[in-house]
Amino acid sequence: MAKVNKKDLERQYRRLKKQSRQEVEASMDRVARAAGLQVLRGAQDRAPASPGGGLLQASLIIGNKHNIFDLVLRGMRAEITVGTSLEYARYVEEGFTQRPGQFVPGYWDDEKFVYVPGYPAGMVLKGKRIPGVRYLARSEAEVESIMDELVAEELENLARRLFPDG
């Protein structure tokens, strides 16, 4: 009959418990980063690009203004942020109402108005509502709809790492 050492079993249990906690946290990290990157890509695809560049698209980042990934682990929840440091981005996302009578410097190029600060000519706004593009909200909703798939895939990988023989 095989002898079982209770202390060895307890030691193995503590080791597995510690290892599994670290693996779960690493898995949460991977899911949060994958979701954040998908939101970022979707927002960059949906954000309007001006003919001269696409400053808004290029300014979208994960984390803070220094482009460092900002992962915050809180208990069993991982959070990651996607955003931009451009002040006007909120108005593109949410929309705005023009101030009637406001002068905007620039010129018309075919059917499109080109804003040029300090230009002597321009247009006077009538005060209409400009709807938001919702580039971030739409991207977030899209990722939320596939979040179960991202988590399920990561859980399968986690089980393979924790129980390679099973």
C-alpha atoms as a PDB file:
ATOM      1  CA  MET A   1       0.000   0.000   0.000  1.00  0.00           C
ATOM      2  CA  ALA A   2       1.276   3.470  -0.890  1.00  0.00           C
ATOM      3  CA  LYS A   3       2.033   5.882   1.884  1.00  0.00           C
ATOM      4  CA  VAL A   4       0.632   9.444   1.643  1.00  0.00           C
ATOM      5  CA  ASN A   5       2.450  12.254   3.399  1.00  0.00           C
ATOM      6  CA  LYS A   6      -0.114  14.843   4.503  1.00  0.00           C
ATOM      7  CA  LYS A   7       2.492  17.642   4.654  1.00  0.00           C
ATOM      8  CA  ASP A   8       3.552  16.951   1.042  1.00  0.00           C
ATOM      9  CA  LEU A   9      -0.080  17.085  -0.081  1.00  0.00           C
ATOM     10  CA  GLU A  10      -0.646  20.364   1.766  1.00  0.00           C
ATOM     11  CA  ARG A  11       2.526  21.842   0.237  1.00  0.00           C
ATOM     12  CA  GLN A  12       1.431  20.760  -3.269  1.00  0.00           C
ATOM     13  CA  TYR A  13      -2.045  22.226  -2.662  1.00  0.00           C
ATOM     14  CA  ARG A  14      -0.604  25.601  -1.580  1.00  0.00           C
ATOM     15  CA  ARG A  15       1.733  25.644  -4.590  1.00  0.00           C
ATOM     16  CA  LEU A  16      -1.124  24.857  -7.013  1.00  0.00           C
ATOM     17  CA  LYS A  17      -3.370  27.441  -5.362  1.00  0.00           C
ATOM     18  CA  LYS A  18      -0.667  30.127  -5.631  1.00  0.00           C
ATOM     19  CA  GLN A  19       0.164  29.157  -9.214  1.00  0.00           C
ATOM     20  CA  SER A  20      -3.491  29.128 -10.264  1.00  0.00           C
ATOM     21  CA  ARG A  21      -4.083  32.605  -8.736  1.00  0.00           C
ATOM     22  CA  GLN A  22      -1.127  33.978 -10.715  1.00  0.00           C
ATOM     23  CA  GLU A  23      -2.347  32.230 -13.866  1.00  0.00           C
ATOM     24  CA  VAL A  24      -5.886  33.610 -13.414  1.00  0.00           C
ATOM     25  CA  GLU A  25      -4.518  37.145 -12.987  1.00  0.00           C
ATOM     26  CA  ALA A  26      -2.357  36.713 -16.087  1.00  0.00           C
ATOM     27  CA  SER A  27      -5.403  35.434 -17.988  1.00  0.00           C
ATOM     28  CA  MET A  28      -7.454  38.445 -16.878  1.00  0.00           C
ATOM     29  CA  ASP A  29      -4.612  40.643 -18.083  1.00  0.00           C
ATOM     30  CA  ARG A  30      -4.604  38.952 -21.504  1.00  0.00           C
ATOM     31  CA  VAL A  31      -8.399  39.220 -21.912  1.00  0.00           C
ATOM     32  CA  ALA A  32      -8.395  42.904 -20.894  1.00  0.00           C
ATOM     33  CA  ARG A  33      -5.552  43.697 -23.297  1.00  0.00           C
ATOM     34  CA  ALA A  34      -7.186  41.771 -26.160  1.00  0.00           C
ATOM     35  CA  ALA A  35     -10.487  43.576 -25.558  1.00  0.00           C
ATOM     36  CA  GLY A  36      -8.723  46.941 -25.267  1.00  0.00           C
ATOM     37  CA  LEU A  37      -6.839  46.392 -28.511  1.00  0.00           C
ATOM     38  CA  GLN A  38     -10.056  45.422 -30.311  1.00  0.00           C
ATOM     39  CA  VAL A  39     -11.827  48.547 -29.014  1.00  0.00           C
ATOM     40  CA  LEU A  40      -8.828  50.632 -30.092  1.00  0.00           C
ATOM     41  CA  ARG A  41      -8.765  49.159 -33.611  1.00  0.00           C
ATOM     42  CA  GLY A  42     -12.528  49.562 -34.005  1.00  0.00           C
ATOM     43  CA  ALA A  43     -12.438  53.170 -32.777  1.00  0.00           C
ATOM     44  CA  GLN A  44      -9.563  54.009 -35.109  1.00  0.00           C
ATOM     45  CA  ASP A  45     -11.494  52.508 -38.034  1.00  0.00           C
ATOM     46  CA  ARG A  46     -14.673  54.443 -37.146  1.00  0.00           C
ATOM     47  CA  ALA A  47     -13.178  57.819 -36.179  1.00  0.00           C
ATOM     48  CA  PRO A  48     -13.498  60.341 -38.999  1.00  0.00           C
ATOM     49  CA  ALA A  49     -10.280  61.297 -40.735  1.00  0.00           C
ATOM     50  CA  SER A  50      -9.723  64.765 -42.074  1.00  0.00           C
ATOM     51  CA  PRO A  51      -8.343  64.925 -45.625  1.00  0.00           C
ATOM     52  CA  GLY A  52      -5.034  66.258 -44.323  1.00  0.00           C
ATOM     53  CA  GLY A  53      -4.321  63.580 -41.799  1.00  0.00           C
ATOM     54  CA  GLY A  54      -6.455  61.762 -39.314  1.00  0.00           C
ATOM     55  CA  LEU A  55      -5.160  63.333 -36.120  1.00  0.00           C
ATOM     56  CA  LEU A  56      -8.047  61.893 -34.094  1.00  0.00           C
ATOM     57  CA  GLN A  57      -7.406  58.360 -35.339  1.00  0.00           C
ATOM     58  CA  ALA A  58      -3.691  58.637 -34.611  1.00  0.00           C
ATOM     59  CA  SER A  59      -4.275  60.069 -31.124  1.00  0.00           C
ATOM     60  CA  LEU A  60      -6.363  57.122 -29.878  1.00  0.00           C
ATOM     61  CA  ILE A  61      -4.355  55.078 -27.402  1.00  0.00           C
ATOM     62  CA  ILE A  62      -4.681  52.476 -24.703  1.00  0.00           C
ATOM     63  CA  GLY A  63      -3.795  53.830 -21.290  1.00  0.00           C
ATOM     64  CA  ASN A  64      -2.616  57.309 -20.488  1.00  0.00           C
ATOM     65  CA  LYS A  65      -1.377  60.225 -22.582  1.00  0.00           C
ATOM     66  CA  HIS A  66       2.144  58.771 -22.641  1.00  0.00           C
ATOM     67  CA  ASN A  67       0.878  55.682 -24.517  1.00  0.00           C
ATOM     68  CA  ILE A  68       1.580  53.278 -21.661  1.00  0.00           C
ATOM     69  CA  PHE A  69      -0.890  50.413 -21.193  1.00  0.00           C
ATOM     70  CA  ASP A  70      -2.960  51.235 -18.127  1.00  0.00           C
ATOM     71  CA  LEU A  71      -4.156  47.986 -16.606  1.00  0.00           C
ATOM     72  CA  VAL A  72      -5.889  48.152 -13.249  1.00  0.00           C
ATOM     73  CA  LEU A  73      -6.592  44.854 -11.503  1.00  0.00           C
ATOM     74  CA  ARG A  74      -9.347  45.115  -8.914  1.00  0.00           C
ATOM     75  CA  GLY A  75     -10.137  41.809  -7.266  1.00  0.00           C
ATOM     76  CA  MET A  76     -11.528  39.533  -9.938  1.00  0.00           C
ATOM     77  CA  ARG A  77     -12.006  42.382 -12.416  1.00  0.00           C
ATOM     78  CA  ALA A  78      -9.493  43.797 -14.879  1.00  0.00           C
ATOM     79  CA  GLU A  79     -10.012  47.186 -16.490  1.00  0.00           C
ATOM     80  CA  ILE A  80      -8.210  48.854 -19.337  1.00  0.00           C
ATOM     81  CA  THR A  81      -8.886  52.275 -20.840  1.00  0.00           C
ATOM     82  CA  VAL A  82      -8.907  53.454 -24.443  1.00  0.00           C
ATOM     83  CA  GLY A  83      -8.949  57.168 -25.195  1.00  0.00           C
ATOM     84  CA  THR A  84      -7.276  60.263 -26.557  1.00  0.00           C
ATOM     85  CA  SER A  85      -5.846  63.509 -25.224  1.00  0.00           C
ATOM     86  CA  LEU A  86      -7.519  65.666 -27.905  1.00  0.00           C
ATOM     87  CA  GLU A  87     -10.077  68.062 -26.443  1.00  0.00           C
ATOM     88  CA  TYR A  88     -12.411  67.989 -29.438  1.00  0.00           C
ATOM     89  CA  ALA A  89     -12.663  64.176 -29.484  1.00  0.00           C
ATOM     90  CA  ARG A  90     -15.588  64.245 -27.040  1.00  0.00           C
ATOM     91  CA  TYR A  91     -17.605  66.418 -29.426  1.00  0.00           C
ATOM     92  CA  VAL A  92     -16.895  64.078 -32.335  1.00  0.00           C
ATOM     93  CA  GLU A  93     -18.000  61.127 -30.174  1.00  0.00           C
ATOM     94  CA  GLU A  94     -21.086  62.668 -28.542  1.00  0.00           C
ATOM     95  CA  GLY A  95     -22.098  65.445 -30.961  1.00  0.00           C
ATOM     96  CA  PHE A  96     -22.733  69.116 -30.198  1.00  0.00           C
ATOM     97  CA  THR A  97     -24.966  72.079 -30.967  1.00  0.00           C
ATOM     98  CA  GLN A  98     -23.438  74.970 -32.861  1.00  0.00           C
ATOM     99  CA  ARG A  99     -23.735  78.459 -31.388  1.00  0.00           C
ATOM    100  CA  PRO A 100     -25.900  80.554 -33.713  1.00  0.00           C
ATOM    101  CA  GLY A 101     -24.026  83.524 -35.153  1.00  0.00           C
ATOM    102  CA  GLN A 102     -20.548  82.134 -34.380  1.00  0.00           C
ATOM    103  CA  PHE A 103     -17.970  82.970 -37.069  1.00  0.00           C
ATOM    104  CA  VAL A 104     -15.710  80.110 -38.202  1.00  0.00           C
ATOM    105  CA  PRO A 105     -12.653  81.098 -40.295  1.00  0.00           C
ATOM    106  CA  GLY A 106     -11.871  79.069 -43.406  1.00  0.00           C
ATOM    107  CA  TYR A 107     -13.017  78.445 -46.961  1.00  0.00           C
ATOM    108  CA  TRP A 108     -15.176  76.106 -49.046  1.00  0.00           C
ATOM    109  CA  ASP A 109     -13.409  73.518 -51.192  1.00  0.00           C
ATOM    110  CA  ASP A 110     -16.084  72.046 -53.462  1.00  0.00           C
ATOM    111  CA  GLU A 111     -18.759  70.791 -51.022  1.00  0.00           C
ATOM    112  CA  LYS A 112     -16.512  70.715 -47.934  1.00  0.00           C
ATOM    113  CA  PHE A 113     -15.624  73.520 -45.543  1.00  0.00           C
ATOM    114  CA  VAL A 114     -11.926  73.716 -44.607  1.00  0.00           C
ATOM    115  CA  TYR A 115     -11.311  75.298 -41.203  1.00  0.00           C
ATOM    116  CA  VAL A 116      -8.266  77.622 -41.151  1.00  0.00           C
ATOM    117  CA  PRO A 117      -7.625  79.524 -37.899  1.00  0.00           C
ATOM    118  CA  GLY A 118      -7.110  83.249 -38.555  1.00  0.00           C
ATOM    119  CA  TYR A 119      -8.352  83.079 -42.170  1.00  0.00           C
ATOM    120  CA  PRO A 120     -10.078  86.372 -43.137  1.00  0.00           C
ATOM    121  CA  ALA A 121     -13.101  84.680 -44.752  1.00  0.00           C
ATOM    122  CA  GLY A 122     -15.336  81.969 -43.372  1.00  0.00           C
ATOM    123  CA  MET A 123     -18.910  81.135 -42.446  1.00  0.00           C
ATOM    124  CA  VAL A 124     -21.438  82.053 -39.760  1.00  0.00           C
ATOM    125  CA  LEU A 125     -23.087  79.129 -37.951  1.00  0.00           C
ATOM    126  CA  LYS A 126     -26.864  78.751 -37.756  1.00  0.00           C
ATOM    127  CA  GLY A 127     -27.054  76.777 -34.524  1.00  0.00           C
ATOM    128  CA  LYS A 128     -27.950  73.305 -35.748  1.00  0.00           C
ATOM    129  CA  ARG A 129     -27.315  70.032 -33.903  1.00  0.00           C
ATOM    130  CA  ILE A 130     -24.348  67.979 -35.160  1.00  0.00           C
ATOM    131  CA  PRO A 131     -24.786  64.295 -34.235  1.00  0.00           C
ATOM    132  CA  GLY A 132     -21.921  62.334 -32.700  1.00  0.00           C
ATOM    133  CA  VAL A 133     -20.080  59.638 -34.604  1.00  0.00           C
ATOM    134  CA  ARG A 134     -19.970  57.290 -31.579  1.00  0.00           C
ATOM    135  CA  TYR A 135     -16.692  55.742 -32.705  1.00  0.00           C
ATOM    136  CA  LEU A 136     -15.785  54.631 -29.152  1.00  0.00           C
ATOM    137  CA  ALA A 137     -19.258  53.571 -28.010  1.00  0.00           C
ATOM    138  CA  ARG A 138     -19.861  51.482 -31.132  1.00  0.00           C
ATOM    139  CA  SER A 139     -16.458  49.800 -30.832  1.00  0.00           C
ATOM    140  CA  GLU A 140     -17.033  49.051 -27.147  1.00  0.00           C
ATOM    141  CA  ALA A 141     -20.465  47.529 -27.889  1.00  0.00           C
ATOM    142  CA  GLU A 142     -18.949  45.386 -30.633  1.00  0.00           C
ATOM    143  CA  VAL A 143     -16.269  44.029 -28.271  1.00  0.00           C
ATOM    144  CA  GLU A 144     -18.809  43.453 -25.483  1.00  0.00           C
ATOM    145  CA  SER A 145     -20.794  41.280 -27.896  1.00  0.00           C
ATOM    146  CA  ILE A 146     -17.790  38.951 -28.359  1.00  0.00           C
ATOM    147  CA  MET A 147     -16.430  39.186 -24.813  1.00  0.00           C
ATOM    148  CA  ASP A 148     -17.842  35.766 -23.869  1.00  0.00           C
ATOM    149  CA  GLU A 149     -15.875  34.249 -26.745  1.00  0.00           C
ATOM    150  CA  LEU A 150     -12.653  36.003 -25.651  1.00  0.00           C
ATOM    151  CA  VAL A 151     -13.114  34.783 -22.067  1.00  0.00           C
ATOM    152  CA  ALA A 152     -14.013  31.218 -23.121  1.00  0.00           C
ATOM    153  CA  GLU A 153     -10.926  31.000 -25.315  1.00  0.00           C
ATOM    154  CA  GLU A 154      -8.703  32.251 -22.501  1.00  0.00           C
ATOM    155  CA  LEU A 155     -10.309  29.842 -19.996  1.00  0.00           C
ATOM    156  CA  GLU A 156      -9.515  26.928 -22.309  1.00  0.00           C
ATOM    157  CA  ASN A 157      -5.903  28.078 -22.519  1.00  0.00           C
ATOM    158  CA  LEU A 158      -5.774  28.508 -18.736  1.00  0.00           C
ATOM    159  CA  ALA A 159      -7.082  24.977 -18.145  1.00  0.00           C
ATOM    160  CA  ARG A 160      -4.441  23.588 -20.536  1.00  0.00           C
ATOM    161  CA  ARG A 161      -1.686  25.462 -18.676  1.00  0.00           C
ATOM    162  CA  LEU A 162      -2.872  24.424 -15.203  1.00  0.00           C
ATOM    163  CA  PHE A 163      -3.687  20.815 -16.105  1.00  0.00           C
ATOM    164  CA  PRO A 164      -1.433  19.846 -19.017  1.00  0.00           C
ATOM    165  CA  ASP A 165      -2.143  16.122 -18.608  1.00  0.00           C
ATOM    166  CA  GLY A 166      -5.939  16.452 -18.289  1.00  0.00           C
END
